N, C-alpha and C. Protein backbone atom coordinates (compact mmCIF):
# COMPACT_ATOMS: atom_id res chain seq x y z
N MET A 1 100.07 -101.97 -101.06
CA MET A 1 99.29 -102.15 -99.90
C MET A 1 97.68 -102.19 -100.61
N GLN A 2 96.95 -103.34 -100.38
CA GLN A 2 95.74 -103.14 -100.87
C GLN A 2 94.68 -102.57 -100.22
N LYS A 3 93.65 -102.07 -100.77
CA LYS A 3 92.69 -101.35 -100.18
C LYS A 3 91.52 -102.12 -99.99
N ILE A 4 90.37 -101.68 -99.09
CA ILE A 4 89.48 -102.40 -98.43
C ILE A 4 88.22 -102.41 -99.14
N ILE A 5 87.38 -103.55 -99.28
CA ILE A 5 85.95 -103.30 -99.61
C ILE A 5 85.10 -104.05 -98.70
N TYR A 6 84.22 -103.35 -97.92
CA TYR A 6 83.48 -103.96 -96.81
C TYR A 6 82.28 -104.59 -97.53
N CYS A 7 81.87 -105.86 -97.34
CA CYS A 7 80.86 -106.50 -98.14
C CYS A 7 79.95 -106.98 -96.80
N ILE A 8 78.62 -106.87 -97.37
CA ILE A 8 77.59 -107.38 -96.67
C ILE A 8 76.79 -108.42 -97.60
N SER A 9 76.77 -109.70 -97.12
CA SER A 9 76.00 -110.61 -97.94
C SER A 9 74.58 -110.48 -97.85
N GLY A 10 73.81 -111.60 -98.62
CA GLY A 10 72.23 -111.47 -98.72
C GLY A 10 71.81 -112.03 -97.49
N LEU A 11 70.41 -112.06 -97.35
CA LEU A 11 69.68 -112.47 -96.30
C LEU A 11 70.12 -113.78 -95.59
N GLY A 12 70.89 -113.73 -94.40
CA GLY A 12 71.08 -114.97 -93.74
C GLY A 12 72.36 -115.72 -94.40
N VAL A 13 73.04 -115.23 -95.29
CA VAL A 13 74.10 -116.13 -95.91
C VAL A 13 75.28 -115.54 -95.46
N ASP A 14 76.50 -116.10 -95.64
CA ASP A 14 77.88 -115.72 -95.19
C ASP A 14 78.66 -115.36 -96.09
N GLU A 15 80.12 -115.30 -95.77
CA GLU A 15 81.08 -114.67 -96.76
C GLU A 15 81.32 -115.67 -98.06
N ARG A 16 80.80 -116.76 -97.82
CA ARG A 16 81.14 -117.76 -99.22
C ARG A 16 80.52 -117.22 -100.32
N VAL A 17 79.63 -116.54 -100.43
CA VAL A 17 78.80 -115.86 -101.50
C VAL A 17 79.85 -115.01 -102.15
N PHE A 18 80.84 -114.54 -101.58
CA PHE A 18 82.12 -113.77 -102.30
C PHE A 18 83.37 -114.34 -102.81
N ASP A 19 83.15 -115.77 -102.70
CA ASP A 19 84.62 -116.56 -102.96
C ASP A 19 84.96 -116.43 -104.47
N ASN A 20 83.97 -116.13 -105.43
CA ASN A 20 84.28 -116.01 -106.61
C ASN A 20 84.77 -114.57 -107.28
N LEU A 21 84.53 -113.68 -106.41
CA LEU A 21 84.72 -112.35 -106.64
C LEU A 21 85.98 -111.89 -106.24
N HIS A 22 86.94 -111.50 -107.33
CA HIS A 22 88.22 -111.15 -107.13
C HIS A 22 88.47 -109.79 -107.96
N LEU A 23 88.98 -108.72 -107.02
CA LEU A 23 89.23 -107.55 -107.58
C LEU A 23 90.65 -107.01 -107.11
N LYS A 24 91.26 -106.74 -108.49
CA LYS A 24 92.61 -106.48 -108.43
C LYS A 24 92.77 -105.02 -107.66
N GLY A 25 93.75 -105.28 -106.55
CA GLY A 25 94.25 -104.25 -105.68
C GLY A 25 93.33 -104.06 -104.36
N TYR A 26 92.20 -104.94 -104.37
CA TYR A 26 91.48 -104.92 -103.25
C TYR A 26 91.10 -106.09 -102.37
N GLU A 27 91.08 -105.97 -101.05
CA GLU A 27 90.75 -107.06 -100.13
C GLU A 27 89.28 -107.00 -99.72
N LEU A 28 88.65 -108.00 -99.99
CA LEU A 28 87.25 -108.22 -99.35
C LEU A 28 87.25 -108.40 -98.03
N LYS A 29 86.45 -107.65 -97.34
CA LYS A 29 86.48 -107.81 -95.72
C LYS A 29 84.99 -108.03 -95.41
N TYR A 30 84.29 -109.09 -94.80
CA TYR A 30 83.08 -109.45 -94.69
C TYR A 30 82.59 -108.74 -93.25
N ILE A 31 81.44 -108.17 -93.43
CA ILE A 31 80.70 -107.79 -92.04
C ILE A 31 79.53 -108.73 -91.75
N PRO A 32 79.79 -109.37 -90.65
CA PRO A 32 79.06 -110.55 -90.27
C PRO A 32 77.75 -110.06 -89.82
N TRP A 33 76.69 -110.78 -90.15
CA TRP A 33 75.31 -110.58 -89.62
C TRP A 33 75.30 -110.77 -88.13
N LEU A 34 74.58 -109.67 -87.65
CA LEU A 34 74.34 -109.94 -86.15
C LEU A 34 72.91 -110.37 -85.74
N MET A 35 72.86 -110.79 -84.65
CA MET A 35 71.44 -111.12 -84.17
C MET A 35 70.68 -109.94 -83.69
N PRO A 36 69.50 -109.68 -84.43
CA PRO A 36 68.66 -108.47 -84.07
C PRO A 36 68.01 -108.46 -82.92
N GLY A 37 67.88 -107.26 -82.26
CA GLY A 37 66.80 -107.12 -81.05
C GLY A 37 65.49 -107.17 -81.58
N LYS A 38 64.42 -107.69 -80.63
CA LYS A 38 63.01 -108.11 -81.14
C LYS A 38 62.42 -106.88 -81.90
N LYS A 39 62.60 -105.73 -81.41
CA LYS A 39 61.86 -104.49 -81.96
C LYS A 39 62.88 -103.54 -82.52
N GLU A 40 64.22 -104.02 -83.02
CA GLU A 40 65.15 -103.38 -83.51
C GLU A 40 64.69 -102.77 -85.03
N THR A 41 65.14 -101.41 -85.47
CA THR A 41 64.70 -101.04 -86.69
C THR A 41 65.95 -101.32 -87.56
N ILE A 42 65.64 -101.35 -88.88
CA ILE A 42 66.75 -101.64 -89.88
C ILE A 42 67.89 -100.39 -89.75
N GLN A 43 67.38 -99.33 -89.24
CA GLN A 43 68.35 -98.06 -89.13
C GLN A 43 69.25 -98.48 -87.76
N GLU A 44 68.74 -98.95 -86.83
CA GLU A 44 69.49 -99.22 -85.70
C GLU A 44 70.41 -100.54 -85.79
N TYR A 45 69.84 -101.42 -86.57
CA TYR A 45 70.63 -102.65 -87.07
C TYR A 45 71.87 -102.15 -87.71
N ALA A 46 71.78 -101.04 -88.83
CA ALA A 46 72.84 -100.63 -89.67
C ALA A 46 74.05 -100.14 -88.74
N ALA A 47 73.59 -99.37 -87.76
CA ALA A 47 74.14 -98.57 -86.91
C ALA A 47 75.29 -99.63 -86.26
N ARG A 48 74.64 -100.64 -85.88
CA ARG A 48 75.66 -101.69 -84.79
C ARG A 48 76.40 -102.35 -85.99
N MET A 49 75.88 -102.57 -87.33
CA MET A 49 77.01 -103.19 -88.36
C MET A 49 78.04 -102.39 -88.70
N ALA A 50 77.79 -100.85 -88.67
CA ALA A 50 78.71 -99.98 -89.17
C ALA A 50 79.70 -99.95 -88.18
N VAL A 51 79.74 -100.34 -87.07
CA VAL A 51 80.84 -100.53 -86.05
C VAL A 51 82.12 -101.25 -86.51
N TYR A 52 81.75 -102.22 -87.51
CA TYR A 52 82.84 -103.16 -88.07
C TYR A 52 83.66 -102.29 -89.10
N ILE A 53 83.21 -101.20 -89.46
CA ILE A 53 83.89 -100.45 -90.58
C ILE A 53 84.97 -99.76 -89.86
N LYS A 54 86.29 -99.67 -90.12
CA LYS A 54 87.32 -99.16 -89.52
C LYS A 54 88.12 -98.20 -90.34
N HIS A 55 87.37 -97.70 -91.49
CA HIS A 55 88.08 -96.64 -92.40
C HIS A 55 87.19 -95.60 -92.56
N ASP A 56 87.75 -94.50 -92.88
CA ASP A 56 87.06 -93.37 -93.26
C ASP A 56 86.60 -93.49 -94.74
N ARG A 57 85.41 -92.75 -95.02
CA ARG A 57 84.95 -93.04 -96.42
C ARG A 57 85.27 -94.34 -97.23
N PRO A 58 84.64 -95.56 -96.76
CA PRO A 58 84.98 -96.81 -97.07
C PRO A 58 84.17 -96.91 -98.42
N VAL A 59 84.77 -98.16 -98.94
CA VAL A 59 84.00 -98.65 -100.23
C VAL A 59 82.83 -99.72 -99.47
N LEU A 60 81.77 -99.60 -100.02
CA LEU A 60 80.73 -100.68 -99.38
C LEU A 60 80.09 -101.32 -100.32
N LEU A 61 80.04 -102.68 -100.18
CA LEU A 61 79.23 -103.59 -101.20
C LEU A 61 78.46 -104.40 -100.31
N GLY A 62 77.09 -104.34 -100.91
CA GLY A 62 75.98 -105.22 -100.25
C GLY A 62 75.03 -105.62 -101.50
N VAL A 63 74.76 -107.07 -101.11
CA VAL A 63 74.09 -107.93 -101.90
C VAL A 63 72.67 -108.28 -101.33
N SER A 64 71.77 -108.21 -102.27
CA SER A 64 70.19 -108.25 -101.79
C SER A 64 69.76 -107.45 -100.48
N PHE A 65 69.50 -108.37 -99.65
CA PHE A 65 68.94 -107.46 -98.13
C PHE A 65 70.39 -106.84 -97.83
N GLY A 66 71.58 -107.29 -98.02
CA GLY A 66 72.71 -106.48 -97.56
C GLY A 66 72.94 -105.27 -98.38
N GLY A 67 72.50 -105.23 -99.44
CA GLY A 67 72.26 -103.86 -100.10
C GLY A 67 71.44 -102.79 -99.58
N MET A 68 70.25 -103.32 -98.88
CA MET A 68 69.28 -102.31 -98.32
C MET A 68 70.15 -101.92 -96.99
N VAL A 69 70.50 -102.70 -96.30
CA VAL A 69 71.35 -102.40 -95.03
C VAL A 69 72.57 -101.67 -95.62
N ALA A 70 73.08 -101.90 -96.55
CA ALA A 70 74.42 -101.06 -96.68
C ALA A 70 73.79 -99.57 -97.08
N ILE A 71 72.77 -99.49 -97.80
CA ILE A 71 72.10 -98.09 -98.04
C ILE A 71 72.04 -97.49 -96.59
N GLU A 72 71.27 -98.21 -95.76
CA GLU A 72 71.06 -97.39 -94.40
C GLU A 72 72.31 -97.30 -93.53
N ILE A 73 73.45 -97.89 -93.83
CA ILE A 73 74.87 -97.61 -93.14
C ILE A 73 75.46 -96.16 -93.88
N ALA A 74 75.26 -96.07 -95.25
CA ALA A 74 75.68 -95.02 -96.16
C ALA A 74 74.81 -93.69 -95.66
N ARG A 75 73.51 -93.98 -95.00
CA ARG A 75 72.89 -92.83 -94.57
C ARG A 75 73.50 -92.27 -93.49
N GLN A 76 74.21 -92.97 -92.80
CA GLN A 76 74.69 -92.58 -91.44
C GLN A 76 76.18 -92.41 -91.41
N LEU A 77 77.01 -92.98 -92.37
CA LEU A 77 78.21 -92.40 -92.52
C LEU A 77 78.82 -92.01 -94.13
N LYS A 78 79.72 -91.40 -94.49
CA LYS A 78 79.83 -90.98 -95.74
C LYS A 78 80.81 -92.18 -96.17
N VAL A 79 80.53 -92.57 -97.54
CA VAL A 79 81.14 -93.59 -98.15
C VAL A 79 81.82 -93.16 -99.42
N GLN A 80 83.03 -93.71 -99.81
CA GLN A 80 83.53 -93.33 -101.16
C GLN A 80 82.79 -93.88 -102.31
N LYS A 81 82.29 -95.11 -102.05
CA LYS A 81 81.42 -95.88 -103.04
C LYS A 81 80.47 -96.64 -102.42
N LEU A 82 79.20 -96.76 -102.78
CA LEU A 82 78.32 -97.67 -102.41
C LEU A 82 78.01 -98.53 -103.50
N ILE A 83 78.12 -99.91 -103.45
CA ILE A 83 77.77 -100.94 -104.66
C ILE A 83 76.70 -101.67 -104.05
N ILE A 84 75.59 -101.95 -104.69
CA ILE A 84 74.75 -102.96 -104.52
C ILE A 84 74.62 -103.79 -105.62
N ILE A 85 74.16 -105.16 -105.19
CA ILE A 85 74.20 -106.10 -106.27
C ILE A 85 72.82 -106.82 -106.13
N SER A 86 71.92 -107.16 -107.14
CA SER A 86 70.87 -108.10 -106.82
C SER A 86 69.86 -107.35 -105.68
N SER A 87 69.92 -106.09 -105.61
CA SER A 87 69.06 -105.48 -104.62
C SER A 87 68.12 -104.50 -105.23
N VAL A 88 67.71 -103.47 -104.15
CA VAL A 88 66.88 -102.41 -104.72
C VAL A 88 67.42 -101.16 -103.95
N LYS A 89 67.21 -99.92 -104.60
CA LYS A 89 67.58 -98.76 -104.01
C LYS A 89 66.50 -98.12 -103.33
N SER A 90 65.13 -98.50 -103.29
CA SER A 90 64.12 -97.69 -102.74
C SER A 90 62.89 -98.92 -102.59
N ASP A 91 61.88 -98.56 -101.92
CA ASP A 91 60.84 -99.29 -101.81
C ASP A 91 60.08 -99.41 -103.22
N ARG A 92 60.25 -98.21 -104.08
CA ARG A 92 59.28 -98.13 -105.26
C ARG A 92 60.03 -99.38 -106.31
N GLU A 93 61.26 -99.85 -105.98
CA GLU A 93 61.71 -100.90 -107.01
C GLU A 93 61.45 -102.23 -106.35
N MET A 94 60.81 -102.28 -105.29
CA MET A 94 60.40 -103.78 -104.86
C MET A 94 59.06 -104.35 -105.67
N PRO A 95 59.06 -105.52 -105.93
CA PRO A 95 57.87 -106.05 -106.66
C PRO A 95 56.64 -105.72 -105.76
N ASN A 96 55.65 -105.96 -106.48
CA ASN A 96 54.14 -105.62 -105.71
C ASN A 96 53.83 -106.63 -104.67
N TRP A 97 54.08 -107.90 -104.97
CA TRP A 97 53.91 -108.87 -104.12
C TRP A 97 54.45 -108.76 -102.67
N MET A 98 55.64 -108.14 -102.71
CA MET A 98 56.30 -107.89 -101.39
C MET A 98 55.86 -106.77 -100.71
N LYS A 99 55.21 -105.78 -101.33
CA LYS A 99 54.44 -104.76 -100.70
C LYS A 99 53.20 -105.14 -100.08
N VAL A 100 52.47 -105.75 -100.79
CA VAL A 100 51.11 -106.41 -100.25
C VAL A 100 51.43 -107.51 -99.20
N ALA A 101 52.64 -108.34 -99.35
CA ALA A 101 52.93 -109.08 -98.02
C ALA A 101 53.27 -108.39 -96.91
N GLY A 102 53.87 -107.10 -96.97
CA GLY A 102 54.24 -106.38 -95.92
C GLY A 102 53.07 -105.82 -95.26
N LYS A 103 52.09 -105.27 -96.18
CA LYS A 103 50.92 -104.68 -95.27
C LYS A 103 50.06 -105.42 -94.76
N ILE A 104 49.74 -106.82 -95.24
CA ILE A 104 49.22 -107.85 -94.54
C ILE A 104 49.73 -108.49 -93.46
N ARG A 105 51.11 -108.16 -93.47
CA ARG A 105 51.83 -109.01 -92.48
C ARG A 105 52.06 -110.65 -92.61
N LEU A 106 52.15 -111.11 -94.11
CA LEU A 106 52.13 -112.36 -94.33
C LEU A 106 53.08 -113.13 -93.75
N ASN A 107 54.29 -112.52 -93.63
CA ASN A 107 55.45 -113.26 -92.94
C ASN A 107 55.25 -113.33 -91.51
N LYS A 108 54.28 -113.01 -90.80
CA LYS A 108 53.79 -113.29 -89.30
C LYS A 108 52.90 -114.40 -89.52
N LEU A 109 52.25 -114.71 -90.39
CA LEU A 109 51.19 -115.75 -90.75
C LEU A 109 52.12 -117.07 -91.10
N LEU A 110 53.14 -117.13 -91.73
CA LEU A 110 53.77 -118.20 -92.26
C LEU A 110 55.02 -118.71 -91.60
N PRO A 111 55.39 -119.67 -91.49
CA PRO A 111 56.67 -120.04 -90.85
C PRO A 111 57.97 -119.28 -91.63
N SER A 112 58.92 -118.77 -91.07
CA SER A 112 59.90 -118.13 -91.57
C SER A 112 61.09 -119.12 -91.84
N LYS A 113 61.14 -120.29 -91.32
CA LYS A 113 61.87 -121.41 -91.79
C LYS A 113 61.19 -122.67 -91.98
N PRO A 114 60.40 -122.70 -93.17
CA PRO A 114 59.72 -124.05 -93.34
C PRO A 114 60.76 -125.34 -93.66
N PRO A 115 60.39 -126.41 -93.68
CA PRO A 115 61.16 -127.48 -93.95
C PRO A 115 61.76 -127.34 -95.43
N TYR A 116 63.21 -127.32 -95.54
CA TYR A 116 63.60 -126.84 -96.74
C TYR A 116 63.26 -127.86 -97.89
N LYS A 117 63.26 -129.15 -97.60
CA LYS A 117 62.89 -130.23 -98.55
C LYS A 117 61.59 -129.90 -99.15
N LEU A 118 60.67 -129.11 -98.59
CA LEU A 118 59.42 -129.01 -99.19
C LEU A 118 59.51 -127.52 -100.12
N THR A 119 60.47 -126.74 -99.82
CA THR A 119 60.57 -125.57 -100.80
C THR A 119 61.96 -125.38 -101.52
N GLU A 120 62.67 -126.27 -101.40
CA GLU A 120 63.93 -126.20 -102.14
C GLU A 120 63.95 -125.88 -103.58
N LYS A 121 63.16 -126.61 -104.23
CA LYS A 121 63.03 -126.51 -105.63
C LYS A 121 62.59 -125.29 -106.03
N ILE A 122 61.43 -124.72 -105.42
CA ILE A 122 60.96 -123.56 -105.74
C ILE A 122 61.86 -122.37 -105.74
N ASP A 123 62.63 -122.44 -104.40
CA ASP A 123 63.48 -121.46 -103.75
C ASP A 123 64.70 -121.38 -104.58
N ASN A 124 65.18 -122.61 -105.08
CA ASN A 124 66.44 -122.67 -106.01
C ASN A 124 66.08 -121.87 -107.42
N ARG A 125 64.90 -122.32 -107.86
CA ARG A 125 64.55 -121.81 -108.97
C ARG A 125 64.25 -120.02 -108.92
N ARG A 126 63.81 -119.77 -108.07
CA ARG A 126 63.73 -117.99 -107.76
C ARG A 126 65.11 -117.54 -107.56
N LEU A 127 65.95 -118.18 -106.85
CA LEU A 127 67.24 -117.63 -106.86
C LEU A 127 68.17 -117.70 -107.95
N GLY A 128 67.91 -118.50 -108.99
CA GLY A 128 68.67 -118.91 -109.88
C GLY A 128 69.75 -119.88 -109.74
N VAL A 129 69.64 -120.76 -108.92
CA VAL A 129 70.58 -121.69 -108.40
C VAL A 129 70.44 -122.92 -109.53
N SER A 130 71.69 -123.26 -110.05
CA SER A 130 71.51 -124.45 -111.04
C SER A 130 72.47 -125.54 -110.95
N THR A 131 73.65 -125.18 -110.45
CA THR A 131 74.72 -126.08 -110.49
C THR A 131 74.60 -126.94 -109.01
N GLU A 132 75.04 -128.36 -108.92
CA GLU A 132 75.07 -128.86 -107.86
C GLU A 132 76.04 -128.22 -106.64
N GLU A 133 77.19 -127.52 -106.95
CA GLU A 133 78.00 -126.66 -106.04
C GLU A 133 76.83 -125.45 -105.47
N GLU A 134 76.17 -124.72 -106.26
CA GLU A 134 75.45 -123.74 -105.98
C GLU A 134 74.23 -124.47 -104.89
N LYS A 135 73.62 -125.52 -105.32
CA LYS A 135 72.59 -126.19 -104.24
C LYS A 135 72.99 -126.57 -103.20
N LEU A 136 74.26 -127.21 -103.01
CA LEU A 136 74.83 -127.50 -101.64
C LEU A 136 74.98 -126.15 -100.83
N MET A 137 75.59 -125.11 -101.52
CA MET A 137 75.80 -124.01 -100.71
C MET A 137 74.62 -123.59 -100.12
N VAL A 138 73.47 -123.26 -100.94
CA VAL A 138 72.25 -122.59 -100.22
C VAL A 138 71.56 -123.87 -99.33
N ARG A 139 71.78 -125.06 -99.59
CA ARG A 139 71.16 -125.89 -98.67
C ARG A 139 71.85 -125.78 -97.24
N ALA A 140 73.12 -125.65 -97.24
CA ALA A 140 73.83 -125.41 -96.07
C ALA A 140 73.31 -124.02 -95.36
N TYR A 141 72.96 -123.10 -96.18
CA TYR A 141 72.54 -121.91 -95.36
C TYR A 141 71.19 -122.02 -94.83
N ARG A 142 70.33 -122.66 -95.50
CA ARG A 142 68.87 -123.00 -95.08
C ARG A 142 69.02 -123.95 -93.81
N LYS A 143 69.99 -124.92 -93.63
CA LYS A 143 69.98 -125.59 -92.59
C LYS A 143 70.30 -124.68 -91.38
N LYS A 144 71.17 -123.85 -91.33
CA LYS A 144 71.72 -123.31 -90.11
C LYS A 144 71.27 -121.93 -90.04
N ALA A 145 70.29 -121.44 -90.77
CA ALA A 145 69.70 -120.14 -90.71
C ALA A 145 69.02 -119.97 -89.49
N ASP A 146 69.10 -118.87 -88.47
CA ASP A 146 68.36 -118.87 -87.35
C ASP A 146 67.00 -118.41 -87.79
N PRO A 147 66.06 -119.06 -87.05
CA PRO A 147 64.50 -118.62 -87.42
C PRO A 147 64.07 -117.11 -86.86
N ILE A 148 64.75 -116.68 -85.83
CA ILE A 148 64.65 -115.43 -85.30
C ILE A 148 65.38 -114.45 -85.95
N TYR A 149 66.37 -114.47 -86.52
CA TYR A 149 67.04 -113.58 -87.44
C TYR A 149 66.21 -113.57 -88.71
N LEU A 150 65.83 -114.79 -89.26
CA LEU A 150 65.20 -114.82 -90.47
C LEU A 150 63.56 -113.93 -90.40
N ASP A 151 62.86 -114.20 -89.36
CA ASP A 151 61.85 -113.52 -89.24
C ASP A 151 61.74 -111.89 -89.08
N TRP A 152 63.19 -111.47 -88.39
CA TRP A 152 63.13 -110.26 -88.32
C TRP A 152 63.63 -109.45 -89.63
N ALA A 153 64.58 -110.26 -90.32
CA ALA A 153 65.08 -109.71 -91.57
C ALA A 153 64.06 -109.70 -92.73
N ILE A 154 63.07 -110.80 -92.77
CA ILE A 154 61.98 -110.95 -93.85
C ILE A 154 60.98 -109.64 -93.48
N HIS A 155 60.87 -109.46 -92.26
CA HIS A 155 59.91 -108.25 -91.89
C HIS A 155 60.43 -106.96 -92.34
N GLN A 156 61.69 -106.96 -92.17
CA GLN A 156 62.43 -105.54 -92.53
C GLN A 156 62.51 -105.32 -94.32
N VAL A 157 62.58 -106.45 -94.80
CA VAL A 157 62.67 -106.61 -96.37
C VAL A 157 61.21 -105.96 -96.78
N LEU A 158 60.11 -106.53 -96.28
CA LEU A 158 58.85 -106.37 -96.77
C LEU A 158 58.20 -105.20 -96.28
N ASN A 159 58.90 -104.49 -95.41
CA ASN A 159 58.40 -103.13 -94.85
C ASN A 159 59.29 -102.00 -95.02
N TRP A 160 60.28 -102.23 -95.80
CA TRP A 160 61.31 -101.10 -96.07
C TRP A 160 60.75 -99.90 -96.62
N LYS A 161 60.94 -98.87 -96.18
CA LYS A 161 60.54 -97.64 -96.74
C LYS A 161 61.59 -96.65 -97.00
N ASN A 162 62.07 -96.48 -98.15
CA ASN A 162 63.21 -95.76 -98.57
C ASN A 162 63.15 -95.01 -99.77
N ASP A 163 63.36 -93.70 -99.78
CA ASP A 163 63.51 -92.92 -101.06
C ASP A 163 64.78 -92.32 -101.42
N TRP A 164 65.93 -92.71 -100.70
CA TRP A 164 66.98 -92.09 -100.54
C TRP A 164 68.41 -93.02 -100.87
N HIS A 165 69.05 -92.55 -101.56
CA HIS A 165 70.59 -93.01 -101.67
C HIS A 165 71.58 -92.24 -101.91
N PRO A 166 72.87 -92.55 -101.76
CA PRO A 166 73.92 -91.50 -102.09
C PRO A 166 74.03 -91.31 -103.63
N ASP A 167 74.71 -90.23 -104.17
CA ASP A 167 74.81 -89.99 -105.54
C ASP A 167 75.98 -91.13 -105.94
N ASN A 168 76.74 -91.44 -105.24
CA ASN A 168 77.87 -92.42 -105.70
C ASN A 168 77.61 -94.05 -105.51
N LEU A 169 76.18 -94.18 -105.54
CA LEU A 169 75.65 -95.42 -105.66
C LEU A 169 75.93 -96.19 -106.89
N VAL A 170 76.32 -97.51 -107.00
CA VAL A 170 76.44 -98.04 -108.23
C VAL A 170 75.49 -99.46 -108.01
N HIS A 171 74.68 -99.69 -109.09
CA HIS A 171 73.70 -100.71 -108.82
C HIS A 171 73.88 -101.94 -110.08
N ILE A 172 74.40 -103.12 -109.72
CA ILE A 172 74.51 -104.03 -110.53
C ILE A 172 73.52 -105.18 -110.44
N HIS A 173 72.78 -105.43 -111.54
CA HIS A 173 71.56 -106.28 -111.40
C HIS A 173 71.61 -107.25 -112.59
N GLY A 174 70.88 -108.43 -112.43
CA GLY A 174 70.75 -109.49 -113.74
C GLY A 174 69.28 -109.35 -114.23
N ASP A 175 69.16 -109.27 -115.43
CA ASP A 175 67.84 -109.21 -116.02
C ASP A 175 66.86 -110.12 -115.95
N MET A 176 67.50 -111.30 -115.32
CA MET A 176 66.58 -112.45 -114.94
C MET A 176 66.40 -112.79 -113.60
N ASP A 177 66.47 -111.85 -112.79
CA ASP A 177 66.42 -111.93 -111.36
C ASP A 177 64.91 -111.98 -111.15
N LYS A 178 64.66 -112.97 -110.30
CA LYS A 178 63.25 -113.41 -109.99
C LYS A 178 62.82 -112.81 -108.56
N ILE A 179 63.77 -112.62 -107.75
CA ILE A 179 63.47 -111.82 -106.50
C ILE A 179 63.19 -110.63 -106.61
N PHE A 180 63.91 -109.67 -107.07
CA PHE A 180 63.62 -108.29 -107.49
C PHE A 180 63.67 -108.11 -108.98
N PRO A 181 62.61 -108.47 -109.71
CA PRO A 181 62.67 -108.36 -111.18
C PRO A 181 62.99 -106.90 -111.77
N ILE A 182 63.85 -106.71 -112.80
CA ILE A 182 64.34 -105.82 -113.34
C ILE A 182 63.25 -104.53 -113.87
N LYS A 183 62.13 -105.06 -114.15
CA LYS A 183 61.37 -104.16 -114.81
C LYS A 183 60.80 -102.74 -114.00
N LYS A 184 61.06 -103.10 -112.80
CA LYS A 184 61.03 -101.72 -111.87
C LYS A 184 62.15 -101.02 -111.31
N ILE A 185 63.32 -101.64 -111.74
CA ILE A 185 64.76 -101.13 -111.34
C ILE A 185 65.44 -100.47 -112.55
N LYS A 186 66.30 -99.61 -112.27
CA LYS A 186 67.02 -98.90 -113.14
C LYS A 186 68.73 -98.92 -112.66
N PRO A 187 69.15 -100.09 -112.92
CA PRO A 187 70.43 -100.34 -112.38
C PRO A 187 71.65 -99.51 -113.19
N THR A 188 72.89 -99.46 -112.73
CA THR A 188 74.00 -98.76 -113.56
C THR A 188 74.44 -99.87 -114.75
N TYR A 189 74.49 -101.22 -114.20
CA TYR A 189 75.10 -102.31 -114.82
C TYR A 189 73.84 -103.38 -114.94
N ILE A 190 73.69 -103.93 -115.99
CA ILE A 190 72.91 -105.07 -116.34
C ILE A 190 73.66 -106.30 -116.64
N ILE A 191 73.56 -107.27 -115.87
CA ILE A 191 74.13 -108.45 -116.48
C ILE A 191 73.11 -109.40 -117.28
N LYS A 192 73.41 -109.61 -118.28
CA LYS A 192 72.51 -110.32 -119.37
C LYS A 192 72.21 -111.87 -118.88
N GLU A 193 71.06 -112.00 -118.97
CA GLU A 193 70.72 -113.32 -118.39
C GLU A 193 71.11 -113.87 -116.89
N GLY A 194 71.34 -112.89 -116.27
CA GLY A 194 71.75 -112.83 -114.62
C GLY A 194 70.71 -113.06 -113.93
N THR A 195 70.79 -114.00 -112.92
CA THR A 195 69.87 -114.40 -111.92
C THR A 195 70.19 -113.45 -110.47
N HIS A 196 69.62 -113.87 -109.53
CA HIS A 196 69.64 -113.38 -108.20
C HIS A 196 71.06 -113.66 -107.49
N MET A 197 71.74 -114.84 -108.34
CA MET A 197 72.91 -115.26 -108.02
C MET A 197 74.18 -114.69 -108.55
N ILE A 198 74.19 -113.54 -109.22
CA ILE A 198 75.26 -113.28 -110.09
C ILE A 198 76.62 -112.89 -109.33
N ILE A 199 76.44 -112.72 -108.01
CA ILE A 199 77.62 -112.36 -107.07
C ILE A 199 78.42 -113.77 -107.01
N TYR A 200 77.91 -114.64 -107.34
CA TYR A 200 78.43 -115.97 -107.31
C TYR A 200 78.82 -116.74 -108.71
N ASN A 201 77.60 -116.70 -109.43
CA ASN A 201 77.92 -117.44 -110.71
C ASN A 201 78.24 -116.69 -111.92
N ARG A 202 78.10 -115.17 -111.60
CA ARG A 202 78.67 -114.37 -112.68
C ARG A 202 79.72 -113.36 -112.05
N ALA A 203 80.52 -113.81 -111.12
CA ALA A 203 81.27 -112.87 -110.38
C ALA A 203 82.38 -112.42 -111.35
N LYS A 204 82.84 -112.75 -112.27
CA LYS A 204 84.01 -112.18 -113.18
C LYS A 204 83.28 -110.93 -113.76
N GLU A 205 82.03 -110.93 -114.47
CA GLU A 205 81.54 -110.03 -114.91
C GLU A 205 81.03 -108.79 -113.77
N VAL A 206 80.82 -109.32 -112.65
CA VAL A 206 80.48 -108.40 -111.90
C VAL A 206 81.82 -107.55 -111.31
N GLY A 207 82.55 -108.33 -111.22
CA GLY A 207 83.96 -107.76 -111.06
C GLY A 207 84.40 -106.83 -111.88
N HIS A 208 84.18 -107.10 -113.17
CA HIS A 208 84.69 -106.28 -114.05
C HIS A 208 83.86 -104.48 -113.82
N CYS A 209 82.43 -104.87 -113.79
CA CYS A 209 81.93 -103.46 -113.45
C CYS A 209 82.38 -102.72 -112.30
N ILE A 210 82.53 -103.54 -111.29
CA ILE A 210 83.06 -102.94 -110.12
C ILE A 210 84.45 -102.29 -110.30
N GLU A 211 85.44 -102.94 -110.86
CA GLU A 211 86.75 -102.33 -111.16
C GLU A 211 86.78 -101.21 -111.92
N LYS A 212 85.80 -101.11 -113.08
CA LYS A 212 85.43 -99.77 -113.81
C LYS A 212 85.08 -98.53 -113.09
N GLU A 213 84.20 -98.90 -112.15
CA GLU A 213 83.97 -97.88 -111.04
C GLU A 213 84.73 -97.14 -110.14
N LEU A 214 85.82 -98.36 -109.75
CA LEU A 214 86.90 -97.92 -108.65
C LEU A 214 88.15 -97.39 -109.27
N LYS A 215 88.24 -97.45 -110.48
CA LYS A 215 89.42 -96.93 -111.33
C LYS A 215 89.61 -95.24 -111.01
C-alpha cells in the first residue's frame, strides 16, 4: 500500500507542477487552492487547507508560496515530515525588495494580473522557464489565474511574518533561484544551477533528496 504525501503547489498553479515528480512507495495527493476571504489571514487560510488532510502526522510538501502555507499548516497540526521546495522558512530569508514592497503596499498600487504578453519574457526569466513545454504551462496558469486570489496571495507573501518552523523541516532549493535568491537561505539540499522551477525541470534530483529523507 502506497503512503500519501500531501502537496501544495506554488502561487496560483495547480497539480501539473508535480507531473515529473515520482517517489517510490508514495502517492502524491494535491491539496487544491481555495478562494480566500477578503480579510482572511494566511493562518486562517492554512486551517481551511488542512481540512483536506485525512491522515495523522502526514508528510507535507509545499512549493514556493505553498511552502509558506505548508509551514502555517504544520504550526496547527503535527507532521511526520515537512518538505518545502523553492520557498523560504522565515521572513528573514526573503529578498529585501519583497520586504520593502510589503511595507509600501506596492502590490496595491500595481495590477495583480497585468496583460501576460507584456510581462511574459521577464516573468519566465525570473522563474527559470526555458523549454516550450514550460512556457506553455505557465502561460496557461497566467490566463486562468483569478485576480482576487492573486491579489490576496501576493499580499500574504510580501507581508509574511514568521520565525518558526518544525524541527523535521527539509528545504530543497536551487542555487540560481531568482524569486528567492539563495544568498539569504540555508537549505538542506542545494540543486546546482537550479531555478525556481526545480520541482518541474529538476524533478528527478528533487525526488532523490526527498526519498533520502523519507527512508
